[in-house]
Amino acid sequence: MGSARSAVETKRQGGRRTSESSGDGRQRILDEAARRFLESGYAETSLRDVASGAGMKAGSLYYHFESKEALLIAILERGMIYMVDAFEAAARRLHNDGGPGDGQPPSGPDHDPVTAFRCLTDHVAAHLRALHGNRAYTAAHVTLFRTAPESVRRAVVPLRDDYERQWTELLASLLPSRDRKEISMLRLALFGAMNASVEWLDAGRGNIDEFAALVADQFWYGVADQRSAAGHDHRGQ
């Protein structure tokens, strides 16, 4: 994850922000644009709309972002960093609470299923908290990424790939009997269940941790080797 994220941080430090006050202006632009892109759509939102909502003249926006595409890239990068931070924080908590000594998920044919299930549940909860806790930024990956300009997608893909790679490695370690191709498909299915919740789950009224436990439970007992306890294997049907 380090290479793609380091590139983002370097770009930030070398960008147009030169003072604390200009940094505040940049943040107002990002917040306003993220909200408007999510609510109204990228194509339907003009930079003039964003500047007005952020309380500045349209020309002032270009001091911080050279184009609408650059603004969307910054929003998508921020959303991805929220997700990565949440994933890594979950791994640290597991380590500090007595998880695997190197902070990595349990692996191998003799791993403890209880510990493995807890690891999965904690990471699912972390993903969902980040997704809903920073919705204007993170939900953009669900609602805007596929229809974003090619230049935007190309710039953000390395961060997305690195995050997906972390999840692939996690699932491969928890499900050692599954081959790599199947692990990738399982990751896509899990991401689909988690990310679709931005369309219907009201985080202000629902309990994200309860939903996370439900998603993890259905995933784990639907695809993990524990299915053999019920005398069932979908691959044998």
C-alpha atoms as a PDB file:
ATOM      1  CA  MET A   1       0.000   0.000   0.000  1.00  0.00           C
ATOM      2  CA  GLY A   2       2.898   2.334   0.709  1.00  0.00           C
ATOM      3  CA  SER A   3       3.879   3.257  -2.869  1.00  0.00           C
ATOM      4  CA  ALA A   4       0.490   4.496  -4.084  1.00  0.00           C
ATOM      5  CA  ARG A   5      -0.305   6.275  -0.846  1.00  0.00           C
ATOM      6  CA  SER A   6       3.132   7.892  -0.666  1.00  0.00           C
ATOM      7  CA  ALA A   7       2.580   9.286  -4.141  1.00  0.00           C
ATOM      8  CA  VAL A   8      -0.682  10.858  -2.988  1.00  0.00           C
ATOM      9  CA  GLU A   9       0.952  12.418   0.063  1.00  0.00           C
ATOM     10  CA  THR A  10       3.840  13.764  -2.020  1.00  0.00           C
ATOM     11  CA  LYS A  11       1.423  15.296  -4.483  1.00  0.00           C
ATOM     12  CA  ARG A  12      -0.456  16.951  -1.631  1.00  0.00           C
ATOM     13  CA  GLN A  13       2.704  18.449  -0.140  1.00  0.00           C
ATOM     14  CA  GLY A  14       3.829  19.736  -3.520  1.00  0.00           C
ATOM     15  CA  GLY A  15       0.430  21.086  -4.512  1.00  0.00           C
ATOM     16  CA  ARG A  16      -0.944  24.576  -4.550  1.00  0.00           C
ATOM     17  CA  ARG A  17      -1.691  24.865  -0.825  1.00  0.00           C
ATOM     18  CA  THR A  18       0.791  27.301   0.722  1.00  0.00           C
ATOM     19  CA  SER A  19      -0.719  28.406   4.036  1.00  0.00           C
ATOM     20  CA  GLU A  20      -3.122  27.404   6.787  1.00  0.00           C
ATOM     21  CA  SER A  21      -5.790  29.764   5.441  1.00  0.00           C
ATOM     22  CA  SER A  22      -5.485  28.406   1.912  1.00  0.00           C
ATOM     23  CA  GLY A  23      -5.628  24.908   3.366  1.00  0.00           C
ATOM     24  CA  ASP A  24      -8.965  25.806   4.977  1.00  0.00           C
ATOM     25  CA  GLY A  25     -10.220  27.036   1.611  1.00  0.00           C
ATOM     26  CA  ARG A  26      -9.106  23.834  -0.058  1.00  0.00           C
ATOM     27  CA  GLN A  27     -10.956  21.786   2.543  1.00  0.00           C
ATOM     28  CA  ARG A  28     -14.153  23.797   2.056  1.00  0.00           C
ATOM     29  CA  ILE A  29     -13.937  23.172  -1.678  1.00  0.00           C
ATOM     30  CA  LEU A  30     -13.395  19.441  -1.177  1.00  0.00           C
ATOM     31  CA  ASP A  31     -16.296  19.114   1.266  1.00  0.00           C
ATOM     32  CA  GLU A  32     -18.666  21.089  -0.938  1.00  0.00           C
ATOM     33  CA  ALA A  33     -17.657  19.287  -4.123  1.00  0.00           C
ATOM     34  CA  ALA A  34     -17.869  15.854  -2.504  1.00  0.00           C
ATOM     35  CA  ARG A  35     -21.367  16.619  -1.246  1.00  0.00           C
ATOM     36  CA  ARG A  36     -22.581  18.044  -4.556  1.00  0.00           C
ATOM     37  CA  PHE A  37     -21.016  15.301  -6.691  1.00  0.00           C
ATOM     38  CA  LEU A  38     -22.701  12.685  -4.513  1.00  0.00           C
ATOM     39  CA  GLU A  39     -26.096  14.367  -4.366  1.00  0.00           C
ATOM     40  CA  SER A  40     -26.357  15.870  -7.863  1.00  0.00           C
ATOM     41  CA  GLY A  41     -23.801  13.948  -9.907  1.00  0.00           C
ATOM     42  CA  TYR A  42     -20.417  14.846 -11.303  1.00  0.00           C
ATOM     43  CA  ALA A  43     -21.554  15.931 -14.761  1.00  0.00           C
ATOM     44  CA  GLU A  44     -24.420  17.986 -13.352  1.00  0.00           C
ATOM     45  CA  THR A  45     -22.223  19.964 -10.920  1.00  0.00           C
ATOM     46  CA  SER A  46     -20.264  22.959 -12.172  1.00  0.00           C
ATOM     47  CA  LEU A  47     -17.175  24.451 -10.567  1.00  0.00           C
ATOM     48  CA  ARG A  48     -19.176  27.665 -10.201  1.00  0.00           C
ATOM     49  CA  ASP A  49     -21.708  25.727  -8.084  1.00  0.00           C
ATOM     50  CA  VAL A  50     -18.901  24.352  -5.936  1.00  0.00           C
ATOM     51  CA  ALA A  51     -17.220  27.729  -5.480  1.00  0.00           C
ATOM     52  CA  SER A  52     -20.502  29.383  -4.531  1.00  0.00           C
ATOM     53  CA  GLY A  53     -21.297  26.698  -1.973  1.00  0.00           C
ATOM     54  CA  ALA A  54     -17.786  26.996  -0.537  1.00  0.00           C
ATOM     55  CA  GLY A  55     -18.213  30.762  -0.139  1.00  0.00           C
ATOM     56  CA  MET A  56     -15.665  31.943  -2.694  1.00  0.00           C
ATOM     57  CA  LYS A  57     -15.444  33.303  -6.212  1.00  0.00           C
ATOM     58  CA  ALA A  58     -15.227  30.801  -9.056  1.00  0.00           C
ATOM     59  CA  GLY A  59     -11.770  32.040 -10.034  1.00  0.00           C
ATOM     60  CA  SER A  60     -10.436  31.445  -6.520  1.00  0.00           C
ATOM     61  CA  LEU A  61     -11.138  27.737  -6.845  1.00  0.00           C
ATOM     62  CA  TYR A  62      -8.431  27.409  -9.485  1.00  0.00           C
ATOM     63  CA  TYR A  63      -5.843  28.469  -6.915  1.00  0.00           C
ATOM     64  CA  HIS A  64      -6.429  25.074  -5.279  1.00  0.00           C
ATOM     65  CA  PHE A  65      -7.463  22.815  -8.178  1.00  0.00           C
ATOM     66  CA  GLU A  66      -6.514  23.221 -11.808  1.00  0.00           C
ATOM     67  CA  SER A  67      -9.623  21.464 -13.143  1.00  0.00           C
ATOM     68  CA  LYS A  68     -12.824  19.685 -12.259  1.00  0.00           C
ATOM     69  CA  GLU A  69     -11.077  16.371 -12.930  1.00  0.00           C
ATOM     70  CA  ALA A  70      -8.313  17.246 -10.446  1.00  0.00           C
ATOM     71  CA  LEU A  71     -10.970  18.009  -7.838  1.00  0.00           C
ATOM     72  CA  LEU A  72     -12.677  14.649  -8.344  1.00  0.00           C
ATOM     73  CA  ILE A  73      -9.323  12.860  -8.158  1.00  0.00           C
ATOM     74  CA  ALA A  74      -8.597  14.520  -4.809  1.00  0.00           C
ATOM     75  CA  ILE A  75     -12.010  13.463  -3.473  1.00  0.00           C
ATOM     76  CA  LEU A  76     -11.601   9.868  -4.601  1.00  0.00           C
ATOM     77  CA  GLU A  77      -8.065   9.702  -3.190  1.00  0.00           C
ATOM     78  CA  ARG A  78      -9.275  11.048   0.145  1.00  0.00           C
ATOM     79  CA  GLY A  79     -12.065   8.471   0.235  1.00  0.00           C
ATOM     80  CA  MET A  80      -9.639   5.658  -0.510  1.00  0.00           C
ATOM     81  CA  ILE A  81      -7.246   6.803   2.216  1.00  0.00           C
ATOM     82  CA  TYR A  82     -10.119   6.742   4.734  1.00  0.00           C
ATOM     83  CA  MET A  83     -10.735   3.095   3.803  1.00  0.00           C
ATOM     84  CA  VAL A  84      -7.056   2.132   3.984  1.00  0.00           C
ATOM     85  CA  ASP A  85      -6.622   3.827   7.361  1.00  0.00           C
ATOM     86  CA  ALA A  86      -9.619   1.918   8.711  1.00  0.00           C
ATOM     87  CA  PHE A  87      -8.282  -1.411   7.425  1.00  0.00           C
ATOM     88  CA  GLU A  88      -4.858  -0.841   8.954  1.00  0.00           C
ATOM     89  CA  ALA A  89      -6.343   0.366  12.260  1.00  0.00           C
ATOM     90  CA  ALA A  90      -8.378  -2.849  12.481  1.00  0.00           C
ATOM     91  CA  ALA A  91      -5.211  -4.900  11.969  1.00  0.00           C
ATOM     92  CA  ARG A  92      -3.439  -2.949  14.724  1.00  0.00           C
ATOM     93  CA  ARG A  93      -6.333  -3.440  17.148  1.00  0.00           C
ATOM     94  CA  LEU A  94      -6.283  -7.191  16.546  1.00  0.00           C
ATOM     95  CA  HIS A  95      -2.559  -7.221  17.197  1.00  0.00           C
ATOM     96  CA  ASN A  96      -2.841  -5.150  20.380  1.00  0.00           C
ATOM     97  CA  ASP A  97      -5.699  -7.306  21.672  1.00  0.00           C
ATOM     98  CA  GLY A  98      -3.648 -10.457  21.419  1.00  0.00           C
ATOM     99  CA  GLY A  99      -3.990 -11.340  17.760  1.00  0.00           C
ATOM    100  CA  PRO A 100      -1.188 -12.732  15.602  1.00  0.00           C
ATOM    101  CA  GLY A 101       2.203 -11.501  16.713  1.00  0.00           C
ATOM    102  CA  ASP A 102       3.082  -9.766  13.453  1.00  0.00           C
ATOM    103  CA  GLY A 103      -0.252  -8.020  13.156  1.00  0.00           C
ATOM    104  CA  GLN A 104      -1.224 -10.200  10.191  1.00  0.00           C
ATOM    105  CA  PRO A 105      -4.411 -12.301  10.050  1.00  0.00           C
ATOM    106  CA  PRO A 106      -4.266 -15.940  11.164  1.00  0.00           C
ATOM    107  CA  SER A 107      -3.295 -18.269   8.351  1.00  0.00           C
ATOM    108  CA  GLY A 108      -2.560 -21.854   7.490  1.00  0.00           C
ATOM    109  CA  PRO A 109      -4.624 -25.025   7.679  1.00  0.00           C
ATOM    110  CA  ASP A 110      -4.515 -25.058  11.483  1.00  0.00           C
ATOM    111  CA  HIS A 111      -5.645 -21.490  12.115  1.00  0.00           C
ATOM    112  CA  ASP A 112      -8.242 -20.969  14.841  1.00  0.00           C
ATOM    113  CA  PRO A 113     -11.683 -20.483  13.190  1.00  0.00           C
ATOM    114  CA  VAL A 114     -12.879 -18.294  16.073  1.00  0.00           C
ATOM    115  CA  THR A 115      -9.913 -15.949  15.712  1.00  0.00           C
ATOM    116  CA  ALA A 116     -10.270 -15.953  11.940  1.00  0.00           C
ATOM    117  CA  PHE A 117     -13.970 -15.059  12.152  1.00  0.00           C
ATOM    118  CA  ARG A 118     -13.220 -12.240  14.581  1.00  0.00           C
ATOM    119  CA  CYS A 119     -10.558 -10.938  12.210  1.00  0.00           C
ATOM    120  CA  LEU A 120     -13.031 -10.912   9.325  1.00  0.00           C
ATOM    121  CA  THR A 121     -15.763  -9.273  11.401  1.00  0.00           C
ATOM    122  CA  ASP A 122     -13.463  -6.513  12.650  1.00  0.00           C
ATOM    123  CA  HIS A 123     -12.303  -5.679   9.126  1.00  0.00           C
ATOM    124  CA  VAL A 124     -15.854  -5.689   7.753  1.00  0.00           C
ATOM    125  CA  ALA A 125     -16.917  -3.344  10.567  1.00  0.00           C
ATOM    126  CA  ALA A 126     -13.932  -1.082   9.881  1.00  0.00           C
ATOM    127  CA  HIS A 127     -14.787  -0.900   6.176  1.00  0.00           C
ATOM    128  CA  LEU A 128     -18.432  -0.057   6.896  1.00  0.00           C
ATOM    129  CA  ARG A 129     -17.623   2.554   9.536  1.00  0.00           C
ATOM    130  CA  ALA A 130     -15.234   4.299   7.158  1.00  0.00           C
ATOM    131  CA  LEU A 131     -17.705   4.002   4.283  1.00  0.00           C
ATOM    132  CA  HIS A 132     -20.579   5.568   6.213  1.00  0.00           C
ATOM    133  CA  GLY A 133     -18.566   7.827   8.489  1.00  0.00           C
ATOM    134  CA  ASN A 134     -16.993   9.655   5.527  1.00  0.00           C
ATOM    135  CA  ARG A 135     -19.844   9.075   3.110  1.00  0.00           C
ATOM    136  CA  ALA A 136     -19.384  12.079   0.817  1.00  0.00           C
ATOM    137  CA  TYR A 137     -15.841  10.907   0.021  1.00  0.00           C
ATOM    138  CA  THR A 138     -16.068   7.134   0.232  1.00  0.00           C
ATOM    139  CA  ALA A 139     -19.441   6.651  -1.450  1.00  0.00           C
ATOM    140  CA  ALA A 140     -18.017   8.410  -4.497  1.00  0.00           C
ATOM    141  CA  HIS A 141     -16.193   5.169  -5.281  1.00  0.00           C
ATOM    142  CA  VAL A 142     -19.541   3.368  -5.384  1.00  0.00           C
ATOM    143  CA  THR A 143     -21.578   5.973  -7.254  1.00  0.00           C
ATOM    144  CA  LEU A 144     -19.124   7.958  -9.393  1.00  0.00           C
ATOM    145  CA  PHE A 145     -16.003   5.955 -10.175  1.00  0.00           C
ATOM    146  CA  ARG A 146     -17.291   3.834 -13.068  1.00  0.00           C
ATOM    147  CA  THR A 147     -18.620   6.846 -14.966  1.00  0.00           C
ATOM    148  CA  ALA A 148     -15.750   9.219 -14.128  1.00  0.00           C
ATOM    149  CA  PRO A 149     -13.492  10.481 -16.927  1.00  0.00           C
ATOM    150  CA  GLU A 150     -10.773   8.037 -17.964  1.00  0.00           C
ATOM    151  CA  SER A 151      -8.046  10.362 -16.670  1.00  0.00           C
ATOM    152  CA  VAL A 152      -9.655  10.338 -13.217  1.00  0.00           C
ATOM    153  CA  ARG A 153      -9.997   6.570 -13.076  1.00  0.00           C
ATOM    154  CA  ARG A 154      -6.436   6.081 -14.253  1.00  0.00           C
ATOM    155  CA  ALA A 155      -5.122   8.335 -11.482  1.00  0.00           C
ATOM    156  CA  VAL A 156      -7.071   6.603  -8.715  1.00  0.00           C
ATOM    157  CA  VAL A 157      -6.756   2.969  -9.807  1.00  0.00           C
ATOM    158  CA  PRO A 158      -3.409   2.354  -8.033  1.00  0.00           C
ATOM    159  CA  LEU A 159      -4.926   3.248  -4.653  1.00  0.00           C
ATOM    160  CA  ARG A 160      -8.000   1.114  -5.292  1.00  0.00           C
ATOM    161  CA  ASP A 161      -5.860  -1.800  -6.467  1.00  0.00           C
ATOM    162  CA  ASP A 162      -3.706  -1.638  -3.352  1.00  0.00           C
ATOM    163  CA  TYR A 163      -6.747  -1.641  -1.061  1.00  0.00           C
ATOM    164  CA  GLU A 164      -8.299  -4.550  -2.919  1.00  0.00           C
ATOM    165  CA  ARG A 165      -4.967  -6.372  -2.686  1.00  0.00           C
ATOM    166  CA  GLN A 166      -4.995  -5.998   1.108  1.00  0.00           C
ATOM    167  CA  TRP A 167      -8.448  -7.571   1.238  1.00  0.00           C
ATOM    168  CA  THR A 168      -7.432 -10.346  -1.132  1.00  0.00           C
ATOM    169  CA  GLU A 169      -4.465 -11.200   1.088  1.00  0.00           C
ATOM    170  CA  LEU A 170      -6.680 -11.119   4.168  1.00  0.00           C
ATOM    171  CA  LEU A 171      -9.254 -13.487   2.678  1.00  0.00           C
ATOM    172  CA  ALA A 172      -6.576 -15.791   1.276  1.00  0.00           C
ATOM    173  CA  SER A 173      -5.080 -16.147   4.753  1.00  0.00           C
ATOM    174  CA  LEU A 174      -8.499 -16.812   6.336  1.00  0.00           C
ATOM    175  CA  LEU A 175      -9.584 -19.278   3.630  1.00  0.00           C
ATOM    176  CA  PRO A 176      -6.400 -21.192   2.772  1.00  0.00           C
ATOM    177  CA  SER A 177      -8.257 -23.970   0.964  1.00  0.00           C
ATOM    178  CA  ARG A 178      -9.559 -21.594  -1.718  1.00  0.00           C
ATOM    179  CA  ASP A 179      -7.563 -20.831  -4.859  1.00  0.00           C
ATOM    180  CA  ARG A 180      -6.632 -17.297  -5.865  1.00  0.00           C
ATOM    181  CA  LYS A 181      -9.270 -16.934  -8.553  1.00  0.00           C
ATOM    182  CA  GLU A 182     -12.037 -17.931  -6.175  1.00  0.00           C
ATOM    183  CA  ILE A 183     -10.680 -15.619  -3.467  1.00  0.00           C
ATOM    184  CA  SER A 184     -10.906 -12.702  -5.901  1.00  0.00           C
ATOM    185  CA  MET A 185     -14.526 -13.563  -6.700  1.00  0.00           C
ATOM    186  CA  LEU A 186     -15.335 -13.873  -3.002  1.00  0.00           C
ATOM    187  CA  ARG A 187     -13.794 -10.469  -2.368  1.00  0.00           C
ATOM    188  CA  LEU A 188     -15.965  -8.936  -5.070  1.00  0.00           C
ATOM    189  CA  ALA A 189     -19.059 -10.529  -3.530  1.00  0.00           C
ATOM    190  CA  LEU A 190     -18.138  -9.228  -0.077  1.00  0.00           C
ATOM    191  CA  PHE A 191     -17.422  -5.736  -1.415  1.00  0.00           C
ATOM    192  CA  GLY A 192     -20.772  -5.781  -3.191  1.00  0.00           C
ATOM    193  CA  ALA A 193     -22.627  -6.557   0.038  1.00  0.00           C
ATOM    194  CA  MET A 194     -20.771  -3.874   1.997  1.00  0.00           C
ATOM    195  CA  ASN A 195     -20.685  -1.089  -0.587  1.00  0.00           C
ATOM    196  CA  ALA A 196     -24.303  -1.407  -1.687  1.00  0.00           C
ATOM    197  CA  SER A 197     -25.312  -0.358   1.822  1.00  0.00           C
ATOM    198  CA  VAL A 198     -24.589   3.294   0.934  1.00  0.00           C
ATOM    199  CA  GLU A 199     -27.799   3.164  -1.097  1.00  0.00           C
ATOM    200  CA  TRP A 200     -30.098   2.092   1.717  1.00  0.00           C
ATOM    201  CA  LEU A 201     -28.488   1.938   5.168  1.00  0.00           C
ATOM    202  CA  ASP A 202     -29.161   5.002   7.310  1.00  0.00           C
ATOM    203  CA  ALA A 203     -26.120   5.099   9.565  1.00  0.00           C
ATOM    204  CA  GLY A 204     -27.855   7.654  11.766  1.00  0.00           C
ATOM    205  CA  ARG A 205     -30.679   5.236  12.557  1.00  0.00           C
ATOM    206  CA  GLY A 206     -29.195   1.792  11.972  1.00  0.00           C
ATOM    207  CA  ASN A 207     -26.450  -0.004  13.817  1.00  0.00           C
ATOM    208  CA  ILE A 208     -23.414  -0.406  11.578  1.00  0.00           C
ATOM    209  CA  ASP A 209     -21.744  -2.914  13.906  1.00  0.00           C
ATOM    210  CA  GLU A 210     -24.853  -5.130  13.845  1.00  0.00           C
ATOM    211  CA  PHE A 211     -24.928  -4.970  10.056  1.00  0.00           C
ATOM    212  CA  ALA A 212     -21.199  -5.743   9.934  1.00  0.00           C
ATOM    213  CA  ALA A 213     -21.734  -8.808  12.124  1.00  0.00           C
ATOM    214  CA  LEU A 214     -24.547  -9.964   9.832  1.00  0.00           C
ATOM    215  CA  VAL A 215     -22.457  -9.530   6.676  1.00  0.00           C
ATOM    216  CA  ALA A 216     -19.462 -11.303   8.214  1.00  0.00           C
ATOM    217  CA  ASP A 217     -21.629 -14.146   9.531  1.00  0.00           C
ATOM    218  CA  GLN A 218     -23.318 -14.768   6.181  1.00  0.00           C
ATOM    219  CA  PHE A 219     -20.017 -14.593   4.325  1.00  0.00           C
ATOM    220  CA  TRP A 220     -18.070 -16.789   6.736  1.00  0.00           C
ATOM    221  CA  TYR A 221     -20.602 -19.544   7.206  1.00  0.00           C
ATOM    222  CA  GLY A 222     -21.541 -19.429   3.556  1.00  0.00           C
ATOM    223  CA  VAL A 223     -18.070 -19.876   2.078  1.00  0.00           C
ATOM    224  CA  ALA A 224     -15.654 -20.982   4.801  1.00  0.00           C
ATOM    225  CA  ASP A 225     -14.726 -24.608   5.354  1.00  0.00           C
ATOM    226  CA  GLN A 226     -17.199 -24.728   8.261  1.00  0.00           C
ATOM    227  CA  ARG A 227     -19.907 -25.470   5.664  1.00  0.00           C
ATOM    228  CA  SER A 228     -18.760 -29.102   5.807  1.00  0.00           C
ATOM    229  CA  ALA A 229     -20.340 -29.348   9.250  1.00  0.00           C
ATOM    230  CA  ALA A 230     -23.713 -29.176   7.527  1.00  0.00           C
ATOM    231  CA  GLY A 231     -22.679 -31.805   4.968  1.00  0.00           C
ATOM    232  CA  HIS A 232     -22.856 -29.260   2.181  1.00  0.00           C
ATOM    233  CA  ASP A 233     -20.437 -28.024  -0.450  1.00  0.00           C
ATOM    234  CA  HIS A 234     -21.761 -25.878  -3.285  1.00  0.00           C
ATOM    235  CA  ARG A 235     -18.961 -27.068  -5.543  1.00  0.00           C
ATOM    236  CA  GLY A 236     -20.320 -30.602  -5.287  1.00  0.00           C
ATOM    237  CA  GLN A 237     -23.846 -29.737  -6.346  1.00  0.00           C
END
